[in-house]
Each structure stands twice: as structure tokens, then as C-alpha cells.
Amino acid sequence: MEVEGPGEEQKIATDAEIVWLHRAGRPVGQALTEAVRSLQFPPGDVQAFVHGEAGFVKELRRYLRVEREIPRQRLSISGYWRLGHNEDGWQASKREWNAQVEAEQESAA
């Protein structure tokens, strides 16, 4: 999970391993995108859950779908918010934006 720094880390009750990535002033999503791109994926079927700011979500979707060729059915990907947009503005444009991103990337996959 990406946060600005150690002060934003939270205790989460889970059996999953959580890795905290600190932006330290870098753009939202940069640390997370770099971390995902550097992962050694396990052999076999990979599933991914990517939710966050729409800009980096778009970049990770392209990486996972086009470059890593992970089937859409194994991905849960959504831009929950977008820099420069308030909640109402983002929700009004989200469906169209998602459709455009999917069309662009699926034609490349």
C-alpha cells in the first residue's frame, strides 16, 4: 500500500503480508507502480486487485493486461478517484473514462 510516509501507515488485521510504500513527496502511484513492475510473479495463474487514483491505475492496468497478458477475468481494477477532480466530477466522467481506457488497452492486448 502506498502512503505519503510512516505516519500514514495503519494497523490492519489480516493474514496477508502488507508492504508499505512511502511516496516521500513523489507523485501519487509512482512508488506503487515501480514496486509492481519489479515484482517476480509466481508461476501459474496470477490475480490482481488494483484500486486507487485513476492515473496510476490506468498505467498498472496496461502493464498487467498488455505487457503481462493477464486475462481480464483475473483482474479487479478501478480508478476510485482522480487527481484534479472532486467526487461529483469524477463520478460524472468515470464510466466514459473507464470505457475509453479499456477500449484502448484491449485493442493493444
PDB file of N, CA and C in Angstrom:
ATOM      1  N   MET A   1       0.845  -1.165   0.000  1.00  0.00           N
ATOM      2  CA  MET A   1       0.000   0.000   0.000  1.00  0.00           C
ATOM      3  C   MET A   1       0.888   1.224   0.000  1.00  0.00           C
ATOM      4  N   GLU A   2       0.483   2.203  -0.775  1.00  0.00           N
ATOM      5  CA  GLU A   2       1.270   3.431  -0.873  1.00  0.00           C
ATOM      6  C   GLU A   2       0.646   4.522  -0.011  1.00  0.00           C
ATOM      7  N   VAL A   3       1.487   5.141   0.788  1.00  0.00           N
ATOM      8  CA  VAL A   3       1.098   6.273   1.633  1.00  0.00           C
ATOM      9  C   VAL A   3       2.216   7.310   1.560  1.00  0.00           C
ATOM     10  N   GLU A   4       1.941   8.511   2.044  1.00  0.00           N
ATOM     11  CA  GLU A   4       2.958   9.562   1.989  1.00  0.00           C
ATOM     12  C   GLU A   4       4.186   9.210   2.832  1.00  0.00           C
ATOM     13  N   GLY A   5       3.957   8.685   4.013  1.00  0.00           N
ATOM     14  CA  GLY A   5       5.084   8.353   4.881  1.00  0.00           C
ATOM     15  C   GLY A   5       4.650   7.457   6.021  1.00  0.00           C
ATOM     16  N   PRO A   6       5.575   7.126   6.914  1.00  0.00           N
ATOM     17  CA  PRO A   6       5.284   6.199   8.011  1.00  0.00           C
ATOM     18  C   PRO A   6       4.105   6.625   8.880  1.00  0.00           C
ATOM     19  N   GLY A   7       3.878   7.918   9.010  1.00  0.00           N
ATOM     20  CA  GLY A   7       2.774   8.406   9.838  1.00  0.00           C
ATOM     21  C   GLY A   7       1.402   8.042   9.300  1.00  0.00           C
ATOM     22  N   GLU A   8       1.311   7.626   8.056  1.00  0.00           N
ATOM     23  CA  GLU A   8       0.022   7.244   7.467  1.00  0.00           C
ATOM     24  C   GLU A   8      -0.211   5.734   7.478  1.00  0.00           C
ATOM     25  N   GLU A   9       0.757   4.969   7.915  1.00  0.00           N
ATOM     26  CA  GLU A   9       0.564   3.520   7.999  1.00  0.00           C
ATOM     27  C   GLU A   9      -0.493   3.221   9.062  1.00  0.00           C
ATOM     28  N   GLN A  10      -1.291   2.177   8.821  1.00  0.00           N
ATOM     29  CA  GLN A  10      -2.354   1.800   9.744  1.00  0.00           C
ATOM     30  C   GLN A  10      -2.242   0.320  10.080  1.00  0.00           C
ATOM     31  N   LYS A  11      -2.659  -0.031  11.252  1.00  0.00           N
ATOM     32  CA  LYS A  11      -2.712  -1.447  11.634  1.00  0.00           C
ATOM     33  C   LYS A  11      -3.916  -2.063  10.939  1.00  0.00           C
ATOM     34  N   ILE A  12      -3.693  -3.168  10.251  1.00  0.00           N
ATOM     35  CA  ILE A  12      -4.761  -3.858   9.537  1.00  0.00           C
ATOM     36  C   ILE A  12      -4.737  -5.322   9.960  1.00  0.00           C
ATOM     37  N   ALA A  13      -5.857  -5.795  10.455  1.00  0.00           N
ATOM     38  CA  ALA A  13      -5.951  -7.191  10.893  1.00  0.00           C
ATOM     39  C   ALA A  13      -6.135  -8.077   9.666  1.00  0.00           C
ATOM     40  N   THR A  14      -5.077  -8.790   9.291  1.00  0.00           N
ATOM     41  CA  THR A  14      -5.132  -9.669   8.134  1.00  0.00           C
ATOM     42  C   THR A  14      -4.015 -10.696   8.214  1.00  0.00           C
ATOM     43  N   ASP A  15      -4.191 -11.791   7.506  1.00  0.00           N
ATOM     44  CA  ASP A  15      -3.125 -12.780   7.385  1.00  0.00           C
ATOM     45  C   ASP A  15      -2.228 -12.469   6.192  1.00  0.00           C
ATOM     46  N   ALA A  16      -2.651 -11.519   5.363  1.00  0.00           N
ATOM     47  CA  ALA A  16      -1.875 -11.145   4.180  1.00  0.00           C
ATOM     48  C   ALA A  16      -0.650 -10.329   4.583  1.00  0.00           C
ATOM     49  N   GLU A  17       0.380 -10.441   3.798  1.00  0.00           N
ATOM     50  CA  GLU A  17       1.564  -9.615   4.020  1.00  0.00           C
ATOM     51  C   GLU A  17       1.304  -8.248   3.395  1.00  0.00           C
ATOM     52  N   ILE A  18       1.479  -7.195   4.184  1.00  0.00           N
ATOM     53  CA  ILE A  18       1.289  -5.832   3.688  1.00  0.00           C
ATOM     54  C   ILE A  18       2.650  -5.165   3.615  1.00  0.00           C
ATOM     55  N   VAL A  19       2.941  -4.599   2.471  1.00  0.00           N
ATOM     56  CA  VAL A  19       4.177  -3.843   2.276  1.00  0.00           C
ATOM     57  C   VAL A  19       3.782  -2.377   2.138  1.00  0.00           C
ATOM     58  N   TRP A  20       4.306  -1.534   3.007  1.00  0.00           N
ATOM     59  CA  TRP A  20       4.010  -0.107   2.964  1.00  0.00           C
ATOM     60  C   TRP A  20       5.052   0.591   2.104  1.00  0.00           C
ATOM     61  N   LEU A  21       4.593   1.319   1.115  1.00  0.00           N
ATOM     62  CA  LEU A  21       5.467   2.091   0.238  1.00  0.00           C
ATOM     63  C   LEU A  21       5.268   3.562   0.549  1.00  0.00           C
ATOM     64  N   HIS A  22       6.367   4.290   0.735  1.00  0.00           N
ATOM     65  CA  HIS A  22       6.289   5.698   1.104  1.00  0.00           C
ATOM     66  C   HIS A  22       6.590   6.585  -0.109  1.00  0.00           C
ATOM     67  N   ARG A  23       5.645   7.468  -0.416  1.00  0.00           N
ATOM     68  CA  ARG A  23       5.823   8.401  -1.542  1.00  0.00           C
ATOM     69  C   ARG A  23       6.944   9.385  -1.264  1.00  0.00           C
ATOM     70  N   ALA A  24       6.993   9.892  -0.068  1.00  0.00           N
ATOM     71  CA  ALA A  24       8.014  10.871   0.305  1.00  0.00           C
ATOM     72  C   ALA A  24       8.063  12.023  -0.695  1.00  0.00           C
ATOM     73  N   GLY A  25       6.885  12.554  -1.038  1.00  0.00           N
ATOM     74  CA  GLY A  25       6.817  13.701  -1.937  1.00  0.00           C
ATOM     75  C   GLY A  25       6.708  13.368  -3.410  1.00  0.00           C
ATOM     76  N   ARG A  26       6.895  12.116  -3.774  1.00  0.00           N
ATOM     77  CA  ARG A  26       6.765  11.733  -5.191  1.00  0.00           C
ATOM     78  C   ARG A  26       5.289  11.739  -5.586  1.00  0.00           C
ATOM     79  N   PRO A  27       4.985  11.715  -6.875  1.00  0.00           N
ATOM     80  CA  PRO A  27       3.582  11.690  -7.320  1.00  0.00           C
ATOM     81  C   PRO A  27       2.842  10.453  -6.819  1.00  0.00           C
ATOM     82  N   VAL A  28       1.543  10.606  -6.605  1.00  0.00           N
ATOM     83  CA  VAL A  28       0.689   9.504  -6.184  1.00  0.00           C
ATOM     84  C   VAL A  28       0.811   8.362  -7.190  1.00  0.00           C
ATOM     85  N   GLY A  29       1.050   7.169  -6.692  1.00  0.00           N
ATOM     86  CA  GLY A  29       1.107   5.980  -7.526  1.00  0.00           C
ATOM     87  C   GLY A  29       2.482   5.613  -8.045  1.00  0.00           C
ATOM     88  N   GLN A  30       3.429   6.525  -7.996  1.00  0.00           N
ATOM     89  CA  GLN A  30       4.747   6.239  -8.560  1.00  0.00           C
ATOM     90  C   GLN A  30       5.444   5.102  -7.814  1.00  0.00           C
ATOM     91  N   ALA A  31       5.459   5.148  -6.500  1.00  0.00           N
ATOM     92  CA  ALA A  31       6.122   4.089  -5.723  1.00  0.00           C
ATOM     93  C   ALA A  31       5.430   2.743  -5.937  1.00  0.00           C
ATOM     94  N   LEU A  32       4.104   2.750  -5.979  1.00  0.00           N
ATOM     95  CA  LEU A  32       3.361   1.505  -6.171  1.00  0.00           C
ATOM     96  C   LEU A  32       3.581   0.928  -7.567  1.00  0.00           C
ATOM     97  N   THR A  33       3.549   1.778  -8.577  1.00  0.00           N
ATOM     98  CA  THR A  33       3.775   1.319  -9.948  1.00  0.00           C
ATOM     99  C   THR A  33       5.171   0.717 -10.090  1.00  0.00           C
ATOM    100  N   GLU A  34       6.172   1.367  -9.537  1.00  0.00           N
ATOM    101  CA  GLU A  34       7.540   0.847  -9.592  1.00  0.00           C
ATOM    102  C   GLU A  34       7.622  -0.503  -8.875  1.00  0.00           C
ATOM    103  N   ALA A  35       6.959  -0.624  -7.739  1.00  0.00           N
ATOM    104  CA  ALA A  35       7.008  -1.875  -6.974  1.00  0.00           C
ATOM    105  C   ALA A  35       6.346  -3.023  -7.745  1.00  0.00           C
ATOM    106  N   VAL A  36       5.210  -2.764  -8.358  1.00  0.00           N
ATOM    107  CA  VAL A  36       4.519  -3.817  -9.119  1.00  0.00           C
ATOM    108  C   VAL A  36       5.363  -4.236 -10.314  1.00  0.00           C
ATOM    109  N   ARG A  37       5.946  -3.272 -11.006  1.00  0.00           N
ATOM    110  CA  ARG A  37       6.775  -3.595 -12.173  1.00  0.00           C
ATOM    111  C   ARG A  37       8.017  -4.400 -11.795  1.00  0.00           C
ATOM    112  N   SER A  38       8.480  -4.278 -10.566  1.00  0.00           N
ATOM    113  CA  SER A  38       9.692  -5.001 -10.163  1.00  0.00           C
ATOM    114  C   SER A  38       9.388  -6.360  -9.531  1.00  0.00           C
ATOM    115  N   LEU A  39       8.115  -6.698  -9.371  1.00  0.00           N
ATOM    116  CA  LEU A  39       7.749  -7.979  -8.755  1.00  0.00           C
ATOM    117  C   LEU A  39       8.162  -9.164  -9.607  1.00  0.00           C
ATOM    118  N   GLN A  40       8.565 -10.228  -8.941  1.00  0.00           N
ATOM    119  CA  GLN A  40       8.749 -11.522  -9.580  1.00  0.00           C
ATOM    120  C   GLN A  40       7.414 -12.236  -9.424  1.00  0.00           C
ATOM    121  N   PHE A  41       6.677 -12.385 -10.512  1.00  0.00           N
ATOM    122  CA  PHE A  41       5.373 -13.020 -10.437  1.00  0.00           C
ATOM    123  C   PHE A  41       5.543 -14.521 -10.237  1.00  0.00           C
ATOM    124  N   PRO A  42       4.681 -15.123  -9.428  1.00  0.00           N
ATOM    125  CA  PRO A  42       4.777 -16.577  -9.229  1.00  0.00           C
ATOM    126  C   PRO A  42       4.357 -17.305 -10.503  1.00  0.00           C
ATOM    127  N   PRO A  43       4.802 -18.535 -10.676  1.00  0.00           N
ATOM    128  CA  PRO A  43       4.359 -19.293 -11.847  1.00  0.00           C
ATOM    129  C   PRO A  43       2.861 -19.595 -11.734  1.00  0.00           C
ATOM    130  N   GLY A  44       2.235 -19.828 -12.860  1.00  0.00           N
ATOM    131  CA  GLY A  44       0.813 -20.157 -12.869  1.00  0.00           C
ATOM    132  C   GLY A  44      -0.065 -18.928 -13.012  1.00  0.00           C
ATOM    133  N   ASP A  45      -1.308 -19.078 -12.618  1.00  0.00           N
ATOM    134  CA  ASP A  45      -2.290 -18.010 -12.762  1.00  0.00           C
ATOM    135  C   ASP A  45      -2.067 -16.913 -11.735  1.00  0.00           C
ATOM    136  N   VAL A  46      -2.078 -15.675 -12.206  1.00  0.00           N
ATOM    137  CA  VAL A  46      -1.916 -14.505 -11.347  1.00  0.00           C
ATOM    138  C   VAL A  46      -3.233 -13.760 -11.304  1.00  0.00           C
ATOM    139  N   GLN A  47      -3.606 -13.300 -10.125  1.00  0.00           N
ATOM    140  CA  GLN A  47      -4.769 -12.434  -9.970  1.00  0.00           C
ATOM    141  C   GLN A  47      -4.295 -11.143  -9.331  1.00  0.00           C
ATOM    142  N   ALA A  48      -4.935 -10.027  -9.703  1.00  0.00           N
ATOM    143  CA  ALA A  48      -4.524  -8.742  -9.148  1.00  0.00           C
ATOM    144  C   ALA A  48      -5.739  -7.892  -8.803  1.00  0.00           C
ATOM    145  N   PHE A  49      -5.626  -7.146  -7.722  1.00  0.00           N
ATOM    146  CA  PHE A  49      -6.634  -6.205  -7.254  1.00  0.00           C
ATOM    147  C   PHE A  49      -5.945  -4.851  -7.211  1.00  0.00           C
ATOM    148  N   VAL A  50      -6.332  -3.949  -8.117  1.00  0.00           N
ATOM    149  CA  VAL A  50      -5.685  -2.640  -8.226  1.00  0.00           C
ATOM    150  C   VAL A  50      -6.772  -1.571  -8.168  1.00  0.00           C
ATOM    151  N   HIS A  51      -6.808  -0.833  -7.075  1.00  0.00           N
ATOM    152  CA  HIS A  51      -7.794   0.233  -6.912  1.00  0.00           C
ATOM    153  C   HIS A  51      -7.080   1.437  -6.331  1.00  0.00           C
ATOM    154  N   GLY A  52      -7.379   2.629  -6.851  1.00  0.00           N
ATOM    155  CA  GLY A  52      -6.740   3.836  -6.358  1.00  0.00           C
ATOM    156  C   GLY A  52      -6.954   4.991  -7.304  1.00  0.00           C
ATOM    157  N   GLU A  53      -5.979   5.881  -7.377  1.00  0.00           N
ATOM    158  CA  GLU A  53      -6.064   7.064  -8.238  1.00  0.00           C
ATOM    159  C   GLU A  53      -6.049   6.629  -9.702  1.00  0.00           C
ATOM    160  N   ALA A  54      -6.949   7.181 -10.493  1.00  0.00           N
ATOM    161  CA  ALA A  54      -7.190   6.712 -11.859  1.00  0.00           C
ATOM    162  C   ALA A  54      -5.955   6.728 -12.754  1.00  0.00           C
ATOM    163  N   GLY A  55      -5.086   7.688 -12.609  1.00  0.00           N
ATOM    164  CA  GLY A  55      -3.907   7.774 -13.470  1.00  0.00           C
ATOM    165  C   GLY A  55      -2.973   6.595 -13.316  1.00  0.00           C
ATOM    166  N   PHE A  56      -2.612   6.254 -12.084  1.00  0.00           N
ATOM    167  CA  PHE A  56      -1.698   5.119 -11.918  1.00  0.00           C
ATOM    168  C   PHE A  56      -2.417   3.795 -12.103  1.00  0.00           C
ATOM    169  N   VAL A  57      -3.713   3.762 -11.826  1.00  0.00           N
ATOM    170  CA  VAL A  57      -4.484   2.541 -12.071  1.00  0.00           C
ATOM    171  C   VAL A  57      -4.479   2.229 -13.565  1.00  0.00           C
ATOM    172  N   LYS A  58      -4.616   3.255 -14.387  1.00  0.00           N
ATOM    173  CA  LYS A  58      -4.580   3.071 -15.842  1.00  0.00           C
ATOM    174  C   LYS A  58      -3.232   2.486 -16.261  1.00  0.00           C
ATOM    175  N   GLU A  59      -2.156   3.027 -15.704  1.00  0.00           N
ATOM    176  CA  GLU A  59      -0.812   2.545 -16.049  1.00  0.00           C
ATOM    177  C   GLU A  59      -0.626   1.087 -15.622  1.00  0.00           C
ATOM    178  N   LEU A  60      -1.077   0.743 -14.419  1.00  0.00           N
ATOM    179  CA  LEU A  60      -0.930  -0.641 -13.961  1.00  0.00           C
ATOM    180  C   LEU A  60      -1.841  -1.588 -14.738  1.00  0.00           C
ATOM    181  N   ARG A  61      -3.009  -1.116 -15.136  1.00  0.00           N
ATOM    182  CA  ARG A  61      -3.895  -1.960 -15.942  1.00  0.00           C
ATOM    183  C   ARG A  61      -3.204  -2.303 -17.258  1.00  0.00           C
ATOM    184  N   ARG A  62      -2.598  -1.304 -17.883  1.00  0.00           N
ATOM    185  CA  ARG A  62      -1.895  -1.543 -19.146  1.00  0.00           C
ATOM    186  C   ARG A  62      -0.758  -2.549 -18.932  1.00  0.00           C
ATOM    187  N   TYR A  63       0.002  -2.367 -17.887  1.00  0.00           N
ATOM    188  CA  TYR A  63       1.112  -3.270 -17.596  1.00  0.00           C
ATOM    189  C   TYR A  63       0.609  -4.709 -17.412  1.00  0.00           C
ATOM    190  N   LEU A  64      -0.426  -4.877 -16.592  1.00  0.00           N
ATOM    191  CA  LEU A  64      -0.913  -6.220 -16.291  1.00  0.00           C
ATOM    192  C   LEU A  64      -1.626  -6.861 -17.482  1.00  0.00           C
ATOM    193  N   ARG A  65      -2.455  -6.098 -18.188  1.00  0.00           N
ATOM    194  CA  ARG A  65      -3.227  -6.662 -19.306  1.00  0.00           C
ATOM    195  C   ARG A  65      -2.398  -6.819 -20.570  1.00  0.00           C
ATOM    196  N   VAL A  66      -1.635  -5.781 -20.935  1.00  0.00           N
ATOM    197  CA  VAL A  66      -0.929  -5.777 -22.220  1.00  0.00           C
ATOM    198  C   VAL A  66       0.454  -6.399 -22.107  1.00  0.00           C
ATOM    199  N   GLU A  67       1.253  -5.915 -21.178  1.00  0.00           N
ATOM    200  CA  GLU A  67       2.627  -6.414 -21.067  1.00  0.00           C
ATOM    201  C   GLU A  67       2.703  -7.795 -20.410  1.00  0.00           C
ATOM    202  N   ARG A  68       1.952  -8.001 -19.339  1.00  0.00           N
ATOM    203  CA  ARG A  68       1.995  -9.295 -18.636  1.00  0.00           C
ATOM    204  C   ARG A  68       0.959 -10.284 -19.172  1.00  0.00           C
ATOM    205  N   GLU A  69       0.031  -9.795 -19.991  1.00  0.00           N
ATOM    206  CA  GLU A  69      -1.005 -10.615 -20.643  1.00  0.00           C
ATOM    207  C   GLU A  69      -1.859 -11.407 -19.651  1.00  0.00           C
ATOM    208  N   ILE A  70      -2.224 -10.764 -18.557  1.00  0.00           N
ATOM    209  CA  ILE A  70      -3.110 -11.386 -17.582  1.00  0.00           C
ATOM    210  C   ILE A  70      -4.545 -11.200 -18.075  1.00  0.00           C
ATOM    211  N   PRO A  71      -5.327 -12.269 -18.144  1.00  0.00           N
ATOM    212  CA  PRO A  71      -6.710 -12.150 -18.620  1.00  0.00           C
ATOM    213  C   PRO A  71      -7.538 -11.202 -17.752  1.00  0.00           C
ATOM    214  N   ARG A  72      -8.440 -10.478 -18.394  1.00  0.00           N
ATOM    215  CA  ARG A  72      -9.312  -9.528 -17.684  1.00  0.00           C
ATOM    216  C   ARG A  72     -10.038 -10.186 -16.522  1.00  0.00           C
ATOM    217  N   GLN A  73     -10.429 -11.433 -16.684  1.00  0.00           N
ATOM    218  CA  GLN A  73     -11.194 -12.128 -15.650  1.00  0.00           C
ATOM    219  C   GLN A  73     -10.393 -12.317 -14.365  1.00  0.00           C
ATOM    220  N   ARG A  74      -9.084 -12.159 -14.429  1.00  0.00           N
ATOM    221  CA  ARG A  74      -8.236 -12.346 -13.249  1.00  0.00           C
ATOM    222  C   ARG A  74      -7.825 -11.011 -12.623  1.00  0.00           C
ATOM    223  N   LEU A  75      -8.444  -9.922 -13.104  1.00  0.00           N
ATOM    224  CA  LEU A  75      -8.093  -8.594 -12.614  1.00  0.00           C
ATOM    225  C   LEU A  75      -9.315  -7.875 -12.058  1.00  0.00           C
ATOM    226  N   SER A  76      -9.133  -7.212 -10.944  1.00  0.00           N
ATOM    227  CA  SER A  76     -10.126  -6.275 -10.417  1.00  0.00           C
ATOM    228  C   SER A  76      -9.422  -4.924 -10.394  1.00  0.00           C
ATOM    229  N   ILE A  77      -9.806  -4.044 -11.310  1.00  0.00           N
ATOM    230  CA  ILE A  77      -9.094  -2.772 -11.469  1.00  0.00           C
ATOM    231  C   ILE A  77     -10.108  -1.643 -11.555  1.00  0.00           C
ATOM    232  N   SER A  78      -9.904  -0.602 -10.724  1.00  0.00           N
ATOM    233  CA  SER A  78     -10.819   0.531 -10.755  1.00  0.00           C
ATOM    234  C   SER A  78     -10.132   1.787 -10.249  1.00  0.00           C
ATOM    235  N   GLY A  79     -10.339   2.872 -10.977  1.00  0.00           N
ATOM    236  CA  GLY A  79      -9.905   4.184 -10.500  1.00  0.00           C
ATOM    237  C   GLY A  79     -10.970   4.718  -9.553  1.00  0.00           C
ATOM    238  N   TYR A  80     -10.679   4.740  -8.273  1.00  0.00           N
ATOM    239  CA  TYR A  80     -11.661   5.202  -7.289  1.00  0.00           C
ATOM    240  C   TYR A  80     -11.752   6.718  -7.223  1.00  0.00           C
ATOM    241  N   TRP A  81     -10.676   7.383  -7.571  1.00  0.00           N
ATOM    242  CA  TRP A  81     -10.651   8.842  -7.553  1.00  0.00           C
ATOM    243  C   TRP A  81      -9.648   9.307  -8.582  1.00  0.00           C
ATOM    244  N   ARG A  82      -9.679  10.605  -8.888  1.00  0.00           N
ATOM    245  CA  ARG A  82      -8.768  11.132  -9.899  1.00  0.00           C
ATOM    246  C   ARG A  82      -8.256  12.499  -9.473  1.00  0.00           C
ATOM    247  N   LEU A  83      -6.938  12.652  -9.520  1.00  0.00           N
ATOM    248  CA  LEU A  83      -6.342  13.937  -9.160  1.00  0.00           C
ATOM    249  C   LEU A  83      -6.963  15.053  -9.990  1.00  0.00           C
ATOM    250  N   GLY A  84      -7.269  16.179  -9.343  1.00  0.00           N
ATOM    251  CA  GLY A  84      -7.830  17.330 -10.037  1.00  0.00           C
ATOM    252  C   GLY A  84      -9.337  17.305 -10.184  1.00  0.00           C
ATOM    253  N   HIS A  85      -9.991  16.239  -9.695  1.00  0.00           N
ATOM    254  CA  HIS A  85     -11.445  16.127  -9.781  1.00  0.00           C
ATOM    255  C   HIS A  85     -12.027  15.952  -8.388  1.00  0.00           C
ATOM    256  N   ASN A  86     -13.146  16.614  -8.124  1.00  0.00           N
ATOM    257  CA  ASN A  86     -13.851  16.318  -6.882  1.00  0.00           C
ATOM    258  C   ASN A  86     -14.685  15.059  -7.098  1.00  0.00           C
ATOM    259  N   GLU A  87     -15.310  14.558  -6.057  1.00  0.00           N
ATOM    260  CA  GLU A  87     -16.048  13.302  -6.137  1.00  0.00           C
ATOM    261  C   GLU A  87     -17.146  13.356  -7.207  1.00  0.00           C
ATOM    262  N   ASP A  88     -17.929  14.420  -7.222  1.00  0.00           N
ATOM    263  CA  ASP A  88     -19.014  14.526  -8.199  1.00  0.00           C
ATOM    264  C   ASP A  88     -18.476  14.599  -9.623  1.00  0.00           C
ATOM    265  N   GLY A  89     -17.417  15.374  -9.828  1.00  0.00           N
ATOM    266  CA  GLY A  89     -16.830  15.492 -11.159  1.00  0.00           C
ATOM    267  C   GLY A  89     -16.262  14.178 -11.662  1.00  0.00           C
ATOM    268  N   TRP A  90     -15.596  13.453 -10.776  1.00  0.00           N
ATOM    269  CA  TRP A  90     -15.022  12.166 -11.171  1.00  0.00           C
ATOM    270  C   TRP A  90     -16.124  11.159 -11.465  1.00  0.00           C
ATOM    271  N   GLN A  91     -17.119  11.066 -10.604  1.00  0.00           N
ATOM    272  CA  GLN A  91     -18.190  10.094 -10.817  1.00  0.00           C
ATOM    273  C   GLN A  91     -18.954  10.377 -12.112  1.00  0.00           C
ATOM    274  N   ALA A  92     -19.097  11.651 -12.479  1.00  0.00           N
ATOM    275  CA  ALA A  92     -19.806  12.010 -13.706  1.00  0.00           C
ATOM    276  C   ALA A  92     -19.055  11.558 -14.953  1.00  0.00           C
ATOM    277  N   SER A  93     -17.719  11.497 -14.874  1.00  0.00           N
ATOM    278  CA  SER A  93     -16.925  11.151 -16.053  1.00  0.00           C
ATOM    279  C   SER A  93     -16.312   9.750 -15.991  1.00  0.00           C
ATOM    280  N   LYS A  94     -16.449   9.073 -14.860  1.00  0.00           N
ATOM    281  CA  LYS A  94     -15.746   7.806 -14.632  1.00  0.00           C
ATOM    282  C   LYS A  94     -16.132   6.719 -15.637  1.00  0.00           C
ATOM    283  N   ARG A  95     -17.405   6.540 -15.893  1.00  0.00           N
ATOM    284  CA  ARG A  95     -17.847   5.458 -16.785  1.00  0.00           C
ATOM    285  C   ARG A  95     -17.263   5.642 -18.184  1.00  0.00           C
ATOM    286  N   GLU A  96     -17.340   6.866 -18.696  1.00  0.00           N
ATOM    287  CA  GLU A  96     -16.803   7.155 -20.036  1.00  0.00           C
ATOM    288  C   GLU A  96     -15.280   6.979 -20.053  1.00  0.00           C
ATOM    289  N   TRP A  97     -14.595   7.465 -19.030  1.00  0.00           N
ATOM    290  CA  TRP A  97     -13.138   7.359 -18.947  1.00  0.00           C
ATOM    291  C   TRP A  97     -12.720   5.888 -18.904  1.00  0.00           C
ATOM    292  N   ASN A  98     -13.395   5.092 -18.059  1.00  0.00           N
ATOM    293  CA  ASN A  98     -13.076   3.662 -17.961  1.00  0.00           C
ATOM    294  C   ASN A  98     -13.295   2.954 -19.290  1.00  0.00           C
ATOM    295  N   ALA A  99     -14.386   3.274 -19.974  1.00  0.00           N
ATOM    296  CA  ALA A  99     -14.671   2.643 -21.266  1.00  0.00           C
ATOM    297  C   ALA A  99     -13.599   2.984 -22.280  1.00  0.00           C
ATOM    298  N   GLN A 100     -13.134   4.225 -22.281  1.00  0.00           N
ATOM    299  CA  GLN A 100     -12.086   4.652 -23.217  1.00  0.00           C
ATOM    300  C   GLN A 100     -10.777   3.926 -22.903  1.00  0.00           C
ATOM    301  N   VAL A 101     -10.405   3.854 -21.650  1.00  0.00           N
ATOM    302  CA  VAL A 101      -9.171   3.168 -21.244  1.00  0.00           C
ATOM    303  C   VAL A 101      -9.246   1.705 -21.640  1.00  0.00           C
ATOM    304  N   GLU A 102     -10.351   1.055 -21.350  1.00  0.00           N
ATOM    305  CA  GLU A 102     -10.488  -0.363 -21.672  1.00  0.00           C
ATOM    306  C   GLU A 102     -10.415  -0.589 -23.167  1.00  0.00           C
ATOM    307  N   ALA A 103     -11.075   0.250 -23.953  1.00  0.00           N
ATOM    308  CA  ALA A 103     -11.052   0.090 -25.416  1.00  0.00           C
ATOM    309  C   ALA A 103      -9.631   0.241 -25.962  1.00  0.00           C
ATOM    310  N   GLU A 104      -8.903   1.248 -25.469  1.00  0.00           N
ATOM    311  CA  GLU A 104      -7.520   1.470 -25.915  1.00  0.00           C
ATOM    312  C   GLU A 104      -6.643   0.269 -25.592  1.00  0.00           C
ATOM    313  N   GLN A 105      -6.747  -0.200 -24.370  1.00  0.00           N
ATOM    314  CA  GLN A 105      -5.847  -1.251 -23.908  1.00  0.00           C
ATOM    315  C   GLN A 105      -6.235  -2.624 -24.418  1.00  0.00           C
ATOM    316  N   GLU A 106      -7.492  -2.884 -24.570  1.00  0.00           N
ATOM    317  CA  GLU A 106      -7.906  -4.193 -25.079  1.00  0.00           C
ATOM    318  C   GLU A 106      -7.511  -4.361 -26.540  1.00  0.00           C
ATOM    319  N   SER A 107      -7.511  -3.274 -27.295  1.00  0.00           N
ATOM    320  CA  SER A 107      -7.084  -3.387 -28.688  1.00  0.00           C
ATOM    321  C   SER A 107      -5.576  -3.639 -28.778  1.00  0.00           C
ATOM    322  N   ALA A 108      -4.839  -3.222 -27.744  1.00  0.00           N
ATOM    323  CA  ALA A 108      -3.390  -3.452 -27.722  1.00  0.00           C
ATOM    324  C   ALA A 108      -3.031  -4.828 -27.160  1.00  0.00           C
ATOM    325  N   ALA A 109      -3.974  -5.429 -26.419  1.00  0.00           N
ATOM    326  CA  ALA A 109      -3.689  -6.716 -25.752  1.00  0.00           C
ATOM    327  C   ALA A 109      -3.705  -7.866 -26.738  1.00  0.00           C
TER     328      ALA A 109
END
